Structure formats: C-alpha cells, structure tokens
C-alpha cells in the first residue's frame, strides 16, 4: 500500500506553490512509473514517491544540507504520518545525498537516477525551437551535459552516478527516460499547446 495518488497530489499542491517545481515533480512521477514497470514493481507506489520527492522543498528549504532538518527530512516525517511505506521514505531521503541514507532498493536507485536527469531533459527541451522532447536526441543531451554553463543547478555528477547505480550506460538511461517522458510532455509544460 501507498498514499493514494489523489491524496499525494493534494499534498503536493498544498505545500508547493511554484508551477515549475510542480512540473518537475510530475516529470519525475512519470519517469518513476516507467522505471517501476521496467523493474516489475508497482508503478503507483513508485509514481507517488516521484510525485512527492520534493513536495516540501519550498516550505522547508535546506541550504545548510542538514540530514535531519528541513528538506527532505521534514517532508518524510509528514509522509510517514500519511502512511508512506518505509521503502518510499528511504528512497526520498536517499535522493538527497547529504542525508547519508544509502540507496539500497531499486526504488531508491531509480528516484536518484531520474530526479536530476528529468529536470535536465526538460531544460534541454525548453531551449529547442520546438520546446519539445520529441526531437531531442541523446547526443544533444550529452553535449549539453558537457556545457557547465547550461542548467547550472543540475548536478552532472548525480546524473552520471544515477546511471552507474542502476548499472546501465548513461546513453541508455537518457534514452529510457526520454522515451518515458515524451508522451506526457504537455503535463509538464512542453510540446505544442
């Protein structure tokens, strides 16, 4: 069992005002559902973790990178009271490396692997004339990853480490997440209106 999606969505909207952050969480939810299907796991449980992984980010910013206070620890305490299973709690804590929670489950490794990459793929699409993932290629993503001035907030190390922790080549991981996000790009502000 997990938190029902409608309740997760209500929590996300209650705690997150930023449209951009909400769209990021939608993208991560979609990527997590695809990762769950590939792992023969529960897409609903993994999707909820993706949808809620940053829900507390605005209300509990963590510039000091405290492992026990603010984001994501404060949010995980709320989600525990809401009934999020321990596997989901640990995955959310593990996506922030400063929490020191090892990513021991496929869910935790998947969340870490898709979080920064999803944001980076959306950033890549936003600078394209099409403003779409439809014509975005892995080679273009790799080129943008080398450009340190582009999407500075995205940790290149985390993108690379995420694929390594999954045990897949980076190009394969990028292609997988791109394929997962493309059909749903309008839900996070991309593609034609």
N, C-alpha and C. Protein backbone atom coordinates (compact mmCIF):
# COMPACT_ATOMS: atom_id res chain seq x y z
N UNK A 1 0.84 -1.20 0.00
CA UNK A 1 0.00 0.00 0.00
C UNK A 1 0.88 1.25 0.00
N UNK A 2 0.30 2.30 -0.53
CA UNK A 2 0.99 3.58 -0.53
C UNK A 2 -0.05 4.69 -0.36
N UNK A 3 0.38 5.90 -0.33
CA UNK A 3 -0.55 7.03 -0.29
C UNK A 3 -1.27 7.07 -1.64
N UNK A 4 -2.60 7.14 -1.65
CA UNK A 4 -3.31 7.23 -2.94
C UNK A 4 -2.87 8.48 -3.71
N UNK A 5 -2.84 8.36 -5.05
CA UNK A 5 -2.33 9.46 -5.87
C UNK A 5 -3.11 10.75 -5.64
N UNK A 6 -4.44 10.66 -5.47
CA UNK A 6 -5.20 11.90 -5.27
C UNK A 6 -4.79 12.60 -3.98
N UNK A 7 -4.48 11.84 -2.94
CA UNK A 7 -4.01 12.43 -1.69
C UNK A 7 -2.60 13.00 -1.87
N UNK A 8 -1.74 12.26 -2.61
CA UNK A 8 -0.38 12.74 -2.88
C UNK A 8 -0.43 14.05 -3.66
N UNK A 9 -1.31 14.11 -4.64
CA UNK A 9 -1.45 15.32 -5.44
C UNK A 9 -1.92 16.49 -4.58
N UNK A 10 -2.87 16.23 -3.68
CA UNK A 10 -3.36 17.28 -2.78
C UNK A 10 -2.23 17.79 -1.88
N UNK A 11 -1.41 16.88 -1.36
CA UNK A 11 -0.28 17.29 -0.53
C UNK A 11 0.72 18.13 -1.32
N UNK A 12 1.00 17.68 -2.53
CA UNK A 12 1.95 18.41 -3.37
C UNK A 12 1.44 19.83 -3.62
N UNK A 13 0.16 19.96 -3.92
CA UNK A 13 -0.40 21.29 -4.18
C UNK A 13 -0.47 22.14 -2.90
N UNK A 14 -0.72 21.50 -1.78
CA UNK A 14 -0.78 22.24 -0.50
C UNK A 14 0.58 22.83 -0.14
N UNK A 15 1.65 22.10 -0.39
CA UNK A 15 2.98 22.51 0.05
C UNK A 15 3.79 23.22 -1.03
N UNK A 16 3.39 23.11 -2.29
CA UNK A 16 4.20 23.64 -3.39
C UNK A 16 3.42 24.65 -4.20
N UNK A 17 3.84 25.90 -4.19
CA UNK A 17 3.18 26.95 -4.98
C UNK A 17 3.80 27.09 -6.37
N UNK A 18 5.08 26.79 -6.49
CA UNK A 18 5.80 27.01 -7.74
C UNK A 18 5.32 26.06 -8.84
N UNK A 19 4.88 26.65 -9.94
CA UNK A 19 4.45 25.85 -11.08
C UNK A 19 5.62 25.04 -11.64
N UNK A 20 6.79 25.64 -11.69
CA UNK A 20 7.97 24.93 -12.22
C UNK A 20 8.31 23.71 -11.36
N UNK A 21 8.25 23.86 -10.05
CA UNK A 21 8.56 22.73 -9.16
C UNK A 21 7.48 21.65 -9.28
N UNK A 22 6.24 22.06 -9.39
CA UNK A 22 5.17 21.07 -9.60
C UNK A 22 5.40 20.28 -10.88
N UNK A 23 5.75 20.99 -11.95
CA UNK A 23 6.01 20.32 -13.23
C UNK A 23 7.18 19.36 -13.12
N UNK A 24 8.20 19.75 -12.37
CA UNK A 24 9.33 18.85 -12.15
C UNK A 24 8.86 17.56 -11.47
N UNK A 25 8.02 17.71 -10.47
CA UNK A 25 7.55 16.52 -9.74
C UNK A 25 6.66 15.65 -10.63
N UNK A 26 5.88 16.26 -11.52
CA UNK A 26 5.10 15.46 -12.49
C UNK A 26 6.03 14.66 -13.38
N UNK A 27 7.09 15.30 -13.87
CA UNK A 27 8.04 14.60 -14.75
C UNK A 27 8.70 13.44 -14.02
N UNK A 28 9.12 13.67 -12.78
CA UNK A 28 9.76 12.60 -12.02
C UNK A 28 8.76 11.48 -11.74
N UNK A 29 7.51 11.81 -11.48
CA UNK A 29 6.49 10.78 -11.30
C UNK A 29 6.39 9.89 -12.55
N UNK A 30 6.34 10.50 -13.70
CA UNK A 30 6.22 9.74 -14.95
C UNK A 30 7.44 8.84 -15.16
N UNK A 31 8.62 9.40 -14.93
CA UNK A 31 9.84 8.60 -15.07
C UNK A 31 9.86 7.45 -14.07
N UNK A 32 9.41 7.70 -12.86
CA UNK A 32 9.39 6.64 -11.84
C UNK A 32 8.39 5.54 -12.21
N UNK A 33 7.26 5.89 -12.78
CA UNK A 33 6.31 4.86 -13.22
C UNK A 33 6.94 3.96 -14.28
N UNK A 34 7.67 4.57 -15.21
CA UNK A 34 8.34 3.78 -16.25
C UNK A 34 9.43 2.89 -15.64
N UNK A 35 10.17 3.44 -14.69
CA UNK A 35 11.21 2.65 -14.03
C UNK A 35 10.59 1.46 -13.28
N UNK A 36 9.45 1.68 -12.64
CA UNK A 36 8.77 0.60 -11.92
C UNK A 36 8.34 -0.51 -12.87
N UNK A 37 7.78 -0.11 -14.01
CA UNK A 37 7.35 -1.12 -14.98
C UNK A 37 8.54 -1.93 -15.46
N UNK A 38 9.65 -1.28 -15.70
CA UNK A 38 10.85 -2.00 -16.15
C UNK A 38 11.34 -2.95 -15.06
N UNK A 39 11.16 -2.59 -13.79
CA UNK A 39 11.62 -3.41 -12.67
C UNK A 39 10.56 -4.40 -12.19
N UNK A 40 9.44 -4.47 -12.90
CA UNK A 40 8.32 -5.33 -12.47
C UNK A 40 7.87 -5.00 -11.05
N UNK A 41 7.83 -3.70 -10.75
CA UNK A 41 7.39 -3.22 -9.44
C UNK A 41 6.07 -2.46 -9.61
N UNK A 42 5.56 -1.92 -8.52
CA UNK A 42 4.27 -1.24 -8.52
C UNK A 42 4.42 0.20 -9.02
N UNK A 43 3.91 0.51 -10.23
CA UNK A 43 4.05 1.87 -10.76
C UNK A 43 3.36 2.92 -9.90
N UNK A 44 2.26 2.55 -9.23
CA UNK A 44 1.57 3.52 -8.38
C UNK A 44 2.43 3.92 -7.18
N UNK A 45 3.03 2.93 -6.54
CA UNK A 45 3.87 3.21 -5.37
C UNK A 45 5.09 4.04 -5.78
N UNK A 46 5.73 3.65 -6.88
CA UNK A 46 6.92 4.38 -7.34
C UNK A 46 6.53 5.77 -7.84
N UNK A 47 5.38 5.88 -8.51
CA UNK A 47 4.93 7.16 -9.03
C UNK A 47 4.67 8.16 -7.91
N UNK A 48 4.04 7.70 -6.83
CA UNK A 48 3.76 8.58 -5.69
C UNK A 48 5.06 9.09 -5.08
N UNK A 49 6.06 8.23 -4.99
CA UNK A 49 7.36 8.66 -4.46
C UNK A 49 7.95 9.74 -5.37
N UNK A 50 7.86 9.55 -6.68
CA UNK A 50 8.35 10.57 -7.61
C UNK A 50 7.58 11.87 -7.48
N UNK A 51 6.26 11.76 -7.34
CA UNK A 51 5.41 12.95 -7.25
C UNK A 51 5.70 13.74 -5.97
N UNK A 52 6.05 13.05 -4.90
CA UNK A 52 6.21 13.71 -3.60
C UNK A 52 7.65 13.96 -3.17
N UNK A 53 8.62 13.57 -3.98
CA UNK A 53 10.01 13.62 -3.50
C UNK A 53 10.48 15.03 -3.14
N UNK A 54 9.93 16.05 -3.75
CA UNK A 54 10.32 17.44 -3.47
C UNK A 54 9.16 18.29 -2.95
N UNK A 55 8.08 17.65 -2.50
CA UNK A 55 6.90 18.44 -2.14
C UNK A 55 7.16 19.43 -1.02
N UNK A 56 8.14 19.16 -0.17
CA UNK A 56 8.44 20.03 0.97
C UNK A 56 9.55 21.04 0.69
N UNK A 57 10.05 21.05 -0.52
CA UNK A 57 11.24 21.85 -0.87
C UNK A 57 11.04 23.35 -0.62
N UNK A 58 9.89 23.89 -0.99
CA UNK A 58 9.65 25.32 -0.79
C UNK A 58 9.44 25.67 0.68
N UNK A 59 8.68 24.87 1.36
CA UNK A 59 8.34 25.19 2.75
C UNK A 59 9.49 24.95 3.71
N UNK A 60 10.32 23.98 3.39
CA UNK A 60 11.44 23.62 4.28
C UNK A 60 12.76 23.63 3.50
N UNK A 61 13.19 24.80 3.00
CA UNK A 61 14.45 24.83 2.24
C UNK A 61 15.60 24.38 3.13
N UNK A 62 16.61 23.82 2.51
CA UNK A 62 17.70 23.25 3.30
C UNK A 62 19.05 23.67 2.74
N UNK A 63 19.33 24.97 2.82
CA UNK A 63 20.59 25.48 2.30
C UNK A 63 21.79 24.93 3.06
N UNK A 64 21.59 24.55 4.32
CA UNK A 64 22.68 24.01 5.14
C UNK A 64 22.91 22.53 4.88
N UNK A 65 22.02 21.91 4.11
CA UNK A 65 22.11 20.47 3.81
C UNK A 65 22.11 19.62 5.08
N UNK A 66 21.22 19.96 6.00
CA UNK A 66 21.07 19.16 7.22
C UNK A 66 20.45 17.81 6.86
N UNK A 67 21.01 16.73 7.38
CA UNK A 67 20.44 15.42 7.07
C UNK A 67 19.16 15.12 7.84
N UNK A 68 18.84 15.91 8.87
CA UNK A 68 17.69 15.59 9.72
C UNK A 68 16.65 16.69 9.80
N UNK A 69 16.97 17.88 9.32
CA UNK A 69 16.04 19.00 9.37
C UNK A 69 15.75 19.47 7.95
N UNK A 70 14.64 20.16 7.79
CA UNK A 70 14.29 20.75 6.50
C UNK A 70 14.08 19.67 5.44
N UNK A 71 14.21 20.05 4.13
CA UNK A 71 14.00 19.13 3.01
C UNK A 71 15.16 18.14 2.90
N UNK A 72 14.93 16.87 2.68
CA UNK A 72 13.66 16.16 2.58
C UNK A 72 13.19 15.54 3.89
N UNK A 73 13.99 15.67 4.96
CA UNK A 73 13.64 15.00 6.22
C UNK A 73 12.30 15.47 6.78
N UNK A 74 12.04 16.78 6.72
CA UNK A 74 10.77 17.30 7.25
C UNK A 74 9.60 16.72 6.46
N UNK A 75 9.75 16.66 5.15
CA UNK A 75 8.69 16.10 4.32
C UNK A 75 8.47 14.62 4.57
N UNK A 76 9.54 13.89 4.78
CA UNK A 76 9.41 12.45 5.03
C UNK A 76 8.65 12.21 6.33
N UNK A 77 8.86 13.04 7.33
CA UNK A 77 8.10 12.89 8.58
C UNK A 77 6.61 13.08 8.32
N UNK A 78 6.27 14.06 7.49
CA UNK A 78 4.86 14.28 7.13
C UNK A 78 4.33 13.07 6.37
N UNK A 79 5.10 12.59 5.40
CA UNK A 79 4.66 11.45 4.58
C UNK A 79 4.53 10.17 5.40
N UNK A 80 5.37 10.01 6.41
CA UNK A 80 5.26 8.84 7.29
C UNK A 80 3.91 8.87 8.01
N UNK A 81 3.52 10.05 8.48
CA UNK A 81 2.21 10.17 9.16
C UNK A 81 1.06 9.91 8.19
N UNK A 82 1.29 10.22 6.91
CA UNK A 82 0.27 10.00 5.87
C UNK A 82 0.20 8.53 5.44
N UNK A 83 1.18 7.74 5.86
CA UNK A 83 1.15 6.32 5.55
C UNK A 83 2.10 5.87 4.45
N UNK A 84 3.05 6.73 4.04
CA UNK A 84 4.01 6.30 3.03
C UNK A 84 4.89 5.19 3.63
N UNK A 85 4.97 4.05 2.96
CA UNK A 85 5.79 2.95 3.48
C UNK A 85 7.26 3.35 3.62
N UNK A 86 7.96 2.60 4.46
CA UNK A 86 9.36 2.92 4.75
C UNK A 86 10.22 2.90 3.49
N UNK A 87 9.96 2.01 2.56
CA UNK A 87 10.76 1.97 1.33
C UNK A 87 10.70 3.32 0.60
N UNK A 88 9.51 3.90 0.53
CA UNK A 88 9.35 5.21 -0.12
C UNK A 88 10.02 6.31 0.68
N UNK A 89 9.90 6.24 2.00
CA UNK A 89 10.55 7.24 2.86
C UNK A 89 12.06 7.23 2.65
N UNK A 90 12.63 6.03 2.64
CA UNK A 90 14.09 5.91 2.49
C UNK A 90 14.53 6.34 1.09
N UNK A 91 13.71 6.07 0.08
CA UNK A 91 14.05 6.50 -1.27
C UNK A 91 14.10 8.02 -1.35
N UNK A 92 13.12 8.69 -0.73
CA UNK A 92 13.09 10.15 -0.75
C UNK A 92 14.29 10.72 0.02
N UNK A 93 14.60 10.14 1.17
CA UNK A 93 15.78 10.60 1.91
C UNK A 93 17.05 10.35 1.10
N UNK A 94 17.12 9.22 0.42
CA UNK A 94 18.31 8.86 -0.34
C UNK A 94 18.54 9.69 -1.58
N UNK A 95 17.48 10.35 -2.08
CA UNK A 95 17.70 11.18 -3.28
C UNK A 95 18.51 12.43 -2.97
N UNK A 96 18.58 12.79 -1.70
CA UNK A 96 19.43 13.90 -1.25
C UNK A 96 20.67 13.28 -0.61
N UNK A 97 21.76 13.26 -1.32
CA UNK A 97 22.95 12.55 -0.84
C UNK A 97 23.40 13.02 0.53
N UNK A 98 23.15 14.29 0.86
CA UNK A 98 23.58 14.82 2.15
C UNK A 98 22.85 14.19 3.33
N UNK A 99 21.76 13.47 3.08
CA UNK A 99 21.05 12.79 4.17
C UNK A 99 21.81 11.55 4.63
N UNK A 100 22.69 11.04 3.78
CA UNK A 100 23.50 9.88 4.17
C UNK A 100 22.73 8.57 4.19
N UNK A 101 21.56 8.52 3.57
CA UNK A 101 20.77 7.29 3.53
C UNK A 101 21.16 6.52 2.28
N UNK A 102 21.70 5.31 2.45
CA UNK A 102 22.13 4.55 1.26
C UNK A 102 20.94 4.18 0.38
N UNK A 103 21.18 4.17 -0.91
CA UNK A 103 20.15 3.79 -1.89
C UNK A 103 20.26 2.29 -2.11
N UNK A 104 19.57 1.53 -1.26
CA UNK A 104 19.71 0.07 -1.25
C UNK A 104 18.64 -0.65 -2.05
N UNK A 105 17.58 0.03 -2.43
CA UNK A 105 16.50 -0.64 -3.14
C UNK A 105 16.43 -0.13 -4.58
N UNK A 106 15.82 -0.92 -5.45
CA UNK A 106 15.63 -0.43 -6.82
C UNK A 106 14.86 0.88 -6.87
N UNK A 107 13.87 1.05 -5.99
CA UNK A 107 13.10 2.30 -5.97
C UNK A 107 14.01 3.48 -5.64
N UNK A 108 14.85 3.32 -4.63
CA UNK A 108 15.72 4.42 -4.22
C UNK A 108 16.73 4.76 -5.31
N UNK A 109 17.30 3.74 -5.94
CA UNK A 109 18.26 4.00 -7.02
C UNK A 109 17.56 4.67 -8.20
N UNK A 110 16.33 4.24 -8.49
CA UNK A 110 15.58 4.83 -9.61
C UNK A 110 15.28 6.31 -9.35
N UNK A 111 14.82 6.64 -8.15
CA UNK A 111 14.49 8.03 -7.85
C UNK A 111 15.73 8.91 -8.00
N UNK A 112 16.84 8.47 -7.47
CA UNK A 112 18.07 9.24 -7.60
C UNK A 112 18.46 9.40 -9.07
N UNK A 113 18.30 8.33 -9.84
CA UNK A 113 18.72 8.34 -11.24
C UNK A 113 17.84 9.21 -12.13
N UNK A 114 16.55 9.34 -11.81
CA UNK A 114 15.67 10.11 -12.70
C UNK A 114 15.46 11.54 -12.25
N UNK A 115 15.74 11.87 -11.02
CA UNK A 115 15.45 13.21 -10.49
C UNK A 115 16.20 14.30 -11.25
N UNK A 116 17.50 14.33 -11.17
CA UNK A 116 18.27 15.38 -11.84
C UNK A 116 18.15 15.26 -13.36
N UNK A 117 18.13 14.02 -13.86
CA UNK A 117 18.05 13.83 -15.31
C UNK A 117 16.74 14.36 -15.87
N UNK A 118 15.63 14.13 -15.20
CA UNK A 118 14.34 14.64 -15.67
C UNK A 118 14.37 16.16 -15.79
N UNK A 119 14.88 16.81 -14.77
CA UNK A 119 14.99 18.26 -14.82
C UNK A 119 15.89 18.73 -15.95
N UNK A 120 16.97 18.01 -16.17
CA UNK A 120 17.91 18.38 -17.23
C UNK A 120 17.28 18.20 -18.60
N UNK A 121 16.54 17.12 -18.80
CA UNK A 121 15.89 16.89 -20.09
C UNK A 121 14.87 17.98 -20.39
N UNK A 122 14.11 18.39 -19.40
CA UNK A 122 13.15 19.48 -19.60
C UNK A 122 13.89 20.76 -19.96
N UNK A 123 14.99 21.05 -19.26
CA UNK A 123 15.78 22.24 -19.59
C UNK A 123 16.30 22.18 -21.02
N UNK A 124 16.75 21.02 -21.46
CA UNK A 124 17.22 20.86 -22.84
C UNK A 124 16.10 21.15 -23.83
N UNK A 125 14.91 20.65 -23.54
CA UNK A 125 13.77 20.85 -24.45
C UNK A 125 13.38 22.33 -24.52
N UNK A 126 13.44 23.01 -23.39
CA UNK A 126 13.00 24.41 -23.34
C UNK A 126 13.84 25.34 -24.21
N UNK A 127 15.08 24.98 -24.51
CA UNK A 127 15.91 25.85 -25.35
C UNK A 127 15.86 25.44 -26.83
N UNK A 128 15.09 24.43 -27.15
CA UNK A 128 14.95 24.00 -28.54
C UNK A 128 13.85 24.82 -29.21
N UNK A 129 13.95 25.05 -30.51
CA UNK A 129 12.87 25.78 -31.20
C UNK A 129 11.50 25.12 -31.03
N UNK A 130 11.48 23.80 -30.95
CA UNK A 130 10.22 23.07 -30.80
C UNK A 130 9.68 23.11 -29.37
N UNK A 131 10.54 23.44 -28.40
CA UNK A 131 10.19 23.37 -26.97
C UNK A 131 9.57 22.02 -26.65
N UNK A 132 10.19 20.97 -27.19
CA UNK A 132 9.64 19.62 -27.08
C UNK A 132 10.75 18.60 -26.88
N UNK A 133 10.37 17.47 -26.27
CA UNK A 133 11.27 16.33 -26.15
C UNK A 133 11.24 15.47 -27.41
N UNK A 134 10.24 15.70 -28.28
CA UNK A 134 10.02 14.83 -29.44
C UNK A 134 11.24 14.75 -30.35
N UNK A 135 11.94 15.87 -30.51
CA UNK A 135 13.09 15.87 -31.42
C UNK A 135 14.42 16.00 -30.67
N UNK A 136 14.39 15.77 -29.37
CA UNK A 136 15.61 15.82 -28.56
C UNK A 136 16.31 14.47 -28.65
N UNK A 137 17.59 14.49 -28.98
CA UNK A 137 18.35 13.25 -29.13
C UNK A 137 19.36 13.10 -27.99
N UNK A 138 19.71 11.85 -27.74
CA UNK A 138 20.67 11.57 -26.67
C UNK A 138 21.98 12.32 -26.89
N UNK A 139 22.43 12.40 -28.14
CA UNK A 139 23.70 13.10 -28.42
C UNK A 139 23.62 14.57 -28.04
N UNK A 140 22.45 15.19 -28.24
CA UNK A 140 22.28 16.61 -27.85
C UNK A 140 22.31 16.76 -26.34
N UNK A 141 21.70 15.79 -25.64
CA UNK A 141 21.70 15.82 -24.18
C UNK A 141 23.13 15.69 -23.67
N UNK A 142 23.88 14.76 -24.24
CA UNK A 142 25.27 14.56 -23.82
C UNK A 142 26.10 15.83 -24.04
N UNK A 143 25.85 16.50 -25.16
CA UNK A 143 26.57 17.75 -25.45
C UNK A 143 26.24 18.81 -24.41
N UNK A 144 24.96 18.93 -24.06
CA UNK A 144 24.55 19.91 -23.05
C UNK A 144 25.11 19.57 -21.67
N UNK A 145 25.25 18.27 -21.38
CA UNK A 145 25.84 17.88 -20.09
C UNK A 145 27.27 18.39 -19.95
N UNK A 146 27.98 18.50 -21.05
CA UNK A 146 29.36 18.98 -21.02
C UNK A 146 29.44 20.49 -20.86
N UNK A 147 28.35 21.19 -21.17
CA UNK A 147 28.30 22.66 -21.07
C UNK A 147 27.96 23.05 -19.63
N UNK A 148 28.96 23.36 -18.84
CA UNK A 148 28.75 23.66 -17.41
C UNK A 148 27.91 24.92 -17.19
N UNK A 149 27.83 25.78 -18.19
CA UNK A 149 27.04 27.00 -18.05
C UNK A 149 25.55 26.77 -18.28
N UNK A 150 25.20 25.62 -18.84
CA UNK A 150 23.80 25.33 -19.13
C UNK A 150 23.18 24.59 -17.94
N UNK A 151 22.00 25.05 -17.51
CA UNK A 151 21.27 24.42 -16.40
C UNK A 151 22.23 24.14 -15.24
N UNK A 152 22.84 25.21 -14.74
CA UNK A 152 23.88 25.11 -13.70
C UNK A 152 23.42 24.39 -12.45
N UNK A 153 22.13 24.46 -12.16
CA UNK A 153 21.61 23.84 -10.94
C UNK A 153 21.57 22.32 -10.98
N UNK A 154 21.76 21.74 -12.14
CA UNK A 154 21.71 20.29 -12.27
C UNK A 154 23.09 19.71 -12.01
N UNK A 155 23.17 18.78 -11.09
CA UNK A 155 24.43 18.12 -10.77
C UNK A 155 24.76 17.08 -11.83
N UNK A 156 25.78 17.36 -12.61
CA UNK A 156 26.23 16.39 -13.62
C UNK A 156 26.72 15.12 -12.94
N UNK A 157 27.37 15.27 -11.80
CA UNK A 157 27.85 14.09 -11.07
C UNK A 157 26.69 13.18 -10.67
N UNK A 158 25.59 13.77 -10.22
CA UNK A 158 24.43 12.97 -9.84
C UNK A 158 23.80 12.27 -11.04
N UNK A 159 23.77 12.95 -12.19
CA UNK A 159 23.23 12.32 -13.40
C UNK A 159 24.06 11.10 -13.76
N UNK A 160 25.36 11.26 -13.74
CA UNK A 160 26.27 10.15 -14.09
C UNK A 160 26.20 9.05 -13.05
N UNK A 161 26.24 9.42 -11.78
CA UNK A 161 26.19 8.44 -10.70
C UNK A 161 24.87 7.68 -10.71
N UNK A 162 23.78 8.36 -11.07
CA UNK A 162 22.48 7.70 -11.12
C UNK A 162 22.47 6.54 -12.09
N UNK A 163 23.01 6.75 -13.28
CA UNK A 163 23.09 5.67 -14.28
C UNK A 163 24.01 4.56 -13.77
N UNK A 164 25.13 4.95 -13.17
CA UNK A 164 26.07 3.95 -12.63
C UNK A 164 25.40 3.09 -11.57
N UNK A 165 24.63 3.71 -10.67
CA UNK A 165 23.97 2.95 -9.61
C UNK A 165 22.91 2.00 -10.17
N UNK A 166 22.32 2.37 -11.30
CA UNK A 166 21.37 1.47 -11.95
C UNK A 166 22.08 0.34 -12.69
N UNK A 167 23.36 0.55 -12.98
CA UNK A 167 24.12 -0.44 -13.72
C UNK A 167 23.85 -0.41 -15.22
N UNK A 168 23.50 0.77 -15.73
CA UNK A 168 23.24 0.91 -17.17
C UNK A 168 24.12 2.03 -17.73
N UNK A 169 24.47 1.92 -19.02
CA UNK A 169 25.23 3.01 -19.63
C UNK A 169 24.42 4.31 -19.62
N UNK A 170 25.10 5.43 -19.49
CA UNK A 170 24.42 6.72 -19.41
C UNK A 170 23.54 6.98 -20.62
N UNK A 171 24.03 6.69 -21.82
CA UNK A 171 23.23 6.92 -23.03
C UNK A 171 21.93 6.12 -23.00
N UNK A 172 22.02 4.89 -22.53
CA UNK A 172 20.82 4.04 -22.44
C UNK A 172 19.83 4.62 -21.43
N UNK A 173 20.35 5.10 -20.32
CA UNK A 173 19.48 5.69 -19.29
C UNK A 173 18.80 6.96 -19.81
N UNK A 174 19.57 7.81 -20.47
CA UNK A 174 18.99 9.03 -21.03
C UNK A 174 17.89 8.67 -22.03
N UNK A 175 18.16 7.72 -22.91
CA UNK A 175 17.17 7.30 -23.91
C UNK A 175 15.91 6.74 -23.25
N UNK A 176 16.07 5.98 -22.19
CA UNK A 176 14.92 5.39 -21.49
C UNK A 176 14.04 6.48 -20.88
N UNK A 177 14.66 7.42 -20.18
CA UNK A 177 13.88 8.48 -19.53
C UNK A 177 13.24 9.39 -20.58
N UNK A 178 13.96 9.70 -21.64
CA UNK A 178 13.37 10.48 -22.73
C UNK A 178 12.13 9.80 -23.28
N UNK A 179 12.23 8.50 -23.54
CA UNK A 179 11.10 7.75 -24.09
C UNK A 179 9.92 7.74 -23.12
N UNK A 180 10.20 7.68 -21.84
CA UNK A 180 9.13 7.69 -20.83
C UNK A 180 8.43 9.04 -20.77
N UNK A 181 9.19 10.12 -20.88
CA UNK A 181 8.64 11.47 -20.72
C UNK A 181 7.93 11.99 -21.97
N UNK A 182 8.40 11.61 -23.14
CA UNK A 182 7.88 12.19 -24.39
C UNK A 182 6.36 12.18 -24.50
N UNK A 183 5.68 11.05 -24.27
CA UNK A 183 4.23 11.05 -24.47
C UNK A 183 3.46 11.92 -23.48
N UNK A 184 4.12 12.34 -22.41
CA UNK A 184 3.44 13.09 -21.35
C UNK A 184 3.95 14.52 -21.22
N UNK A 185 4.72 14.99 -22.19
CA UNK A 185 5.42 16.26 -22.03
C UNK A 185 4.51 17.45 -21.79
N UNK A 186 3.30 17.41 -22.27
CA UNK A 186 2.39 18.54 -22.05
C UNK A 186 2.05 18.71 -20.57
N UNK A 187 2.07 17.60 -19.81
CA UNK A 187 1.73 17.70 -18.38
C UNK A 187 2.79 18.47 -17.59
N UNK A 188 3.97 18.66 -18.18
CA UNK A 188 4.96 19.47 -17.51
C UNK A 188 5.44 20.62 -18.38
N UNK A 189 4.56 21.09 -19.25
CA UNK A 189 4.76 22.37 -19.93
C UNK A 189 5.54 22.35 -21.23
N UNK A 190 5.71 21.19 -21.85
CA UNK A 190 6.45 21.12 -23.09
C UNK A 190 5.52 20.75 -24.24
N UNK A 191 6.05 20.84 -25.46
CA UNK A 191 5.28 20.44 -26.64
C UNK A 191 4.31 21.52 -27.08
N UNK A 192 3.60 21.23 -28.14
CA UNK A 192 2.65 22.22 -28.66
C UNK A 192 1.40 22.27 -27.82
N UNK A 193 0.85 23.43 -27.77
CA UNK A 193 -0.35 23.65 -26.96
C UNK A 193 -1.58 23.11 -27.64
